[in-house]
Every structure is written in structure tokens, then in C-alpha cells.
Amino acid sequence: LFNSFTMGKKGKGTGSFGKRRNKSHTICRRCGRKSYHIQKSTCSGCGYPSCKKRTYQWGQKAIGRKTTGTGRMRYLKDMPRRFKNGFQEGTEAKKQSA
């Protein structure tokens, strides 16, 4: 009798968590978050497969977390130095006389 009240399956509490076994979301191939809805085929995090990334002005902090400069910037981190040198290619450094 006591057990049926505490571990019941009617409400939103502990008992109903045992029924949650179907995955609605999986990993998104664009943002890498577990936000890609399988049936809708859209990501609730980045908006994939839409071309435009999902952003809202009411989420300024979220934009700051995902914007340019928060990752490795494998290509862009060399740009200021390359711009300063006029995007030169195929040249060799001059020998420094001691």
C-alpha cells in the first residue's frame, strides 16, 4: 500500500521517470549538441538543416558563446599577420646579419 503512493506512475515525479525510454533528440552534425529532433529532422540548437544559423536577439549570451573567436580559428588566427605583410607568398626570409 505504501509503495504505490511513493513510486506511482501517474504524476511527473520519480515514478514516471521509469517510462522515459524513447529518444526524441540525437547529436546534431553541425553544432554537435544533442538537439537534433529525429522526427522533425531539425536541430533546436542551431536550426540545421536550415542554411542560416539559429540565433535570437534575446539570447545575447548564447550568441557570445557560439560566435567567431570562441573556437580554434585554424584559418582566421593567421589573418592579421598575413594582412600586415600584404598576403605575400613564396618568399624567403632575409638573412639577418649579426
C-alpha atoms as a PDB file:
ATOM      1  CA  LEU A   1       0.000   0.000   0.000  1.00  0.00           C
ATOM      2  CA  PHE A   2       2.718   2.470   0.993  1.00  0.00           C
ATOM      3  CA  ASN A   3       4.838   1.688  -2.043  1.00  0.00           C
ATOM      4  CA  SER A   4       2.088   2.511  -4.541  1.00  0.00           C
ATOM      5  CA  PHE A   5       1.870   6.104  -3.279  1.00  0.00           C
ATOM      6  CA  THR A   6       5.584   6.858  -3.387  1.00  0.00           C
ATOM      7  CA  MET A   7       6.511   5.138  -6.644  1.00  0.00           C
ATOM      8  CA  GLY A   8       3.309   5.727  -8.651  1.00  0.00           C
ATOM      9  CA  LYS A   9       3.400   6.331 -12.391  1.00  0.00           C
ATOM     10  CA  LYS A  10       0.648   8.959 -12.637  1.00  0.00           C
ATOM     11  CA  GLY A  11       2.374  12.233 -11.803  1.00  0.00           C
ATOM     12  CA  LYS A  12       5.520  13.931 -13.133  1.00  0.00           C
ATOM     13  CA  GLY A  13       7.761  12.693 -10.328  1.00  0.00           C
ATOM     14  CA  THR A  14      10.068   9.768  -9.641  1.00  0.00           C
ATOM     15  CA  GLY A  15       7.723   7.011 -10.769  1.00  0.00           C
ATOM     16  CA  SER A  16       7.120   8.473 -14.206  1.00  0.00           C
ATOM     17  CA  PHE A  17      10.854   8.654 -14.981  1.00  0.00           C
ATOM     18  CA  GLY A  18      10.880   4.888 -15.435  1.00  0.00           C
ATOM     19  CA  LYS A  19       8.713   5.253 -18.539  1.00  0.00           C
ATOM     20  CA  ARG A  20      11.121   7.614 -20.314  1.00  0.00           C
ATOM     21  CA  ARG A  21      12.988   5.395 -22.748  1.00  0.00           C
ATOM     22  CA  ASN A  22      12.360   6.881 -26.216  1.00  0.00           C
ATOM     23  CA  LYS A  23      14.894   9.324 -27.619  1.00  0.00           C
ATOM     24  CA  SER A  24      13.402  12.308 -29.399  1.00  0.00           C
ATOM     25  CA  HIS A  25      16.737  14.111 -29.902  1.00  0.00           C
ATOM     26  CA  THR A  26      20.116  12.910 -31.117  1.00  0.00           C
ATOM     27  CA  ILE A  27      23.507  14.504 -31.904  1.00  0.00           C
ATOM     28  CA  CYS A  28      23.423  17.325 -34.462  1.00  0.00           C
ATOM     29  CA  ARG A  29      26.027  17.100 -37.216  1.00  0.00           C
ATOM     30  CA  ARG A  30      26.519  20.903 -37.347  1.00  0.00           C
ATOM     31  CA  CYS A  31      26.637  22.067 -33.718  1.00  0.00           C
ATOM     32  CA  GLY A  32      27.400  18.736 -32.020  1.00  0.00           C
ATOM     33  CA  ARG A  33      24.703  19.142 -29.374  1.00  0.00           C
ATOM     34  CA  LYS A  34      22.037  16.551 -28.532  1.00  0.00           C
ATOM     35  CA  SER A  35      19.394  18.817 -30.025  1.00  0.00           C
ATOM     36  CA  TYR A  36      18.580  17.263 -33.407  1.00  0.00           C
ATOM     37  CA  HIS A  37      14.931  16.170 -33.355  1.00  0.00           C
ATOM     38  CA  ILE A  38      14.651  12.829 -35.117  1.00  0.00           C
ATOM     39  CA  GLN A  39      11.039  13.091 -36.316  1.00  0.00           C
ATOM     40  CA  LYS A  40      11.121  16.808 -37.197  1.00  0.00           C
ATOM     41  CA  SER A  41      14.616  16.488 -38.741  1.00  0.00           C
ATOM     42  CA  THR A  42      15.627  19.889 -37.347  1.00  0.00           C
ATOM     43  CA  CYS A  43      18.077  20.944 -34.667  1.00  0.00           C
ATOM     44  CA  SER A  44      16.669  23.036 -31.841  1.00  0.00           C
ATOM     45  CA  GLY A  45      20.138  24.419 -31.086  1.00  0.00           C
ATOM     46  CA  CYS A  46      21.453  25.666 -34.417  1.00  0.00           C
ATOM     47  CA  GLY A  47      18.494  25.231 -36.772  1.00  0.00           C
ATOM     48  CA  TYR A  48      20.151  22.632 -39.031  1.00  0.00           C
ATOM     49  CA  PRO A  49      19.359  21.802 -41.910  1.00  0.00           C
ATOM     50  CA  SER A  50      18.459  25.475 -42.449  1.00  0.00           C
ATOM     51  CA  CYS A  51      21.271  27.439 -44.113  1.00  0.00           C
ATOM     52  CA  LYS A  52      21.079  30.244 -41.559  1.00  0.00           C
ATOM     53  CA  LYS A  53      22.247  29.523 -38.027  1.00  0.00           C
ATOM     54  CA  ARG A  54      19.553  29.808 -35.364  1.00  0.00           C
ATOM     55  CA  THR A  55      20.158  32.984 -33.306  1.00  0.00           C
ATOM     56  CA  TYR A  56      17.879  35.388 -31.469  1.00  0.00           C
ATOM     57  CA  GLN A  57      18.496  38.884 -30.143  1.00  0.00           C
ATOM     58  CA  TRP A  58      17.014  37.925 -26.775  1.00  0.00           C
ATOM     59  CA  GLY A  59      19.870  35.432 -26.420  1.00  0.00           C
ATOM     60  CA  GLN A  60      22.909  37.720 -26.494  1.00  0.00           C
ATOM     61  CA  LYS A  61      24.835  35.495 -24.087  1.00  0.00           C
ATOM     62  CA  ALA A  62      24.168  32.442 -26.250  1.00  0.00           C
ATOM     63  CA  ILE A  63      25.409  34.279 -29.347  1.00  0.00           C
ATOM     64  CA  GLY A  64      28.594  35.183 -27.487  1.00  0.00           C
ATOM     65  CA  ARG A  65      29.213  31.548 -26.628  1.00  0.00           C
ATOM     66  CA  LYS A  66      28.988  30.397 -30.231  1.00  0.00           C
ATOM     67  CA  THR A  67      30.454  33.308 -32.220  1.00  0.00           C
ATOM     68  CA  THR A  68      33.741  33.655 -34.086  1.00  0.00           C
ATOM     69  CA  GLY A  69      36.715  33.566 -31.744  1.00  0.00           C
ATOM     70  CA  THR A  70      35.331  31.018 -29.313  1.00  0.00           C
ATOM     71  CA  GLY A  71      36.881  28.060 -31.145  1.00  0.00           C
ATOM     72  CA  ARG A  72      40.308  27.256 -32.576  1.00  0.00           C
ATOM     73  CA  MET A  73      40.072  29.646 -35.557  1.00  0.00           C
ATOM     74  CA  ARG A  74      42.532  27.473 -37.526  1.00  0.00           C
ATOM     75  CA  TYR A  75      42.329  29.733 -40.590  1.00  0.00           C
ATOM     76  CA  LEU A  76      41.383  33.136 -39.159  1.00  0.00           C
ATOM     77  CA  LYS A  77      44.032  33.367 -36.443  1.00  0.00           C
ATOM     78  CA  ASP A  78      46.769  33.960 -39.056  1.00  0.00           C
ATOM     79  CA  MET A  79      44.865  36.695 -40.906  1.00  0.00           C
ATOM     80  CA  PRO A  80      46.140  39.819 -39.072  1.00  0.00           C
ATOM     81  CA  ARG A  81      49.773  38.821 -39.615  1.00  0.00           C
ATOM     82  CA  ARG A  82      49.198  37.885 -43.259  1.00  0.00           C
ATOM     83  CA  PHE A  83      47.307  41.151 -43.861  1.00  0.00           C
ATOM     84  CA  LYS A  84      50.138  43.145 -42.312  1.00  0.00           C
ATOM     85  CA  ASN A  85      52.598  41.554 -44.762  1.00  0.00           C
ATOM     86  CA  GLY A  86      50.336  42.089 -47.778  1.00  0.00           C
ATOM     87  CA  PHE A  87      49.425  38.402 -48.220  1.00  0.00           C
ATOM     88  CA  GLN A  88      52.845  37.595 -49.680  1.00  0.00           C
ATOM     89  CA  GLU A  89      53.521  34.058 -50.820  1.00  0.00           C
ATOM     90  CA  GLY A  90      56.541  32.087 -51.977  1.00  0.00           C
ATOM     91  CA  THR A  91      59.168  34.422 -50.474  1.00  0.00           C
ATOM     92  CA  GLU A  92      62.018  33.532 -48.154  1.00  0.00           C
ATOM     93  CA  ALA A  93      63.043  35.424 -45.051  1.00  0.00           C
ATOM     94  CA  LYS A  94      66.117  37.665 -45.447  1.00  0.00           C
ATOM     95  CA  LYS A  95      69.298  36.581 -43.663  1.00  0.00           C
ATOM     96  CA  GLN A  96      69.908  38.653 -40.551  1.00  0.00           C
ATOM     97  CA  SER A  97      73.496  39.951 -40.323  1.00  0.00           C
ATOM     98  CA  ALA A  98      74.830  39.682 -36.788  1.00  0.00           C
END
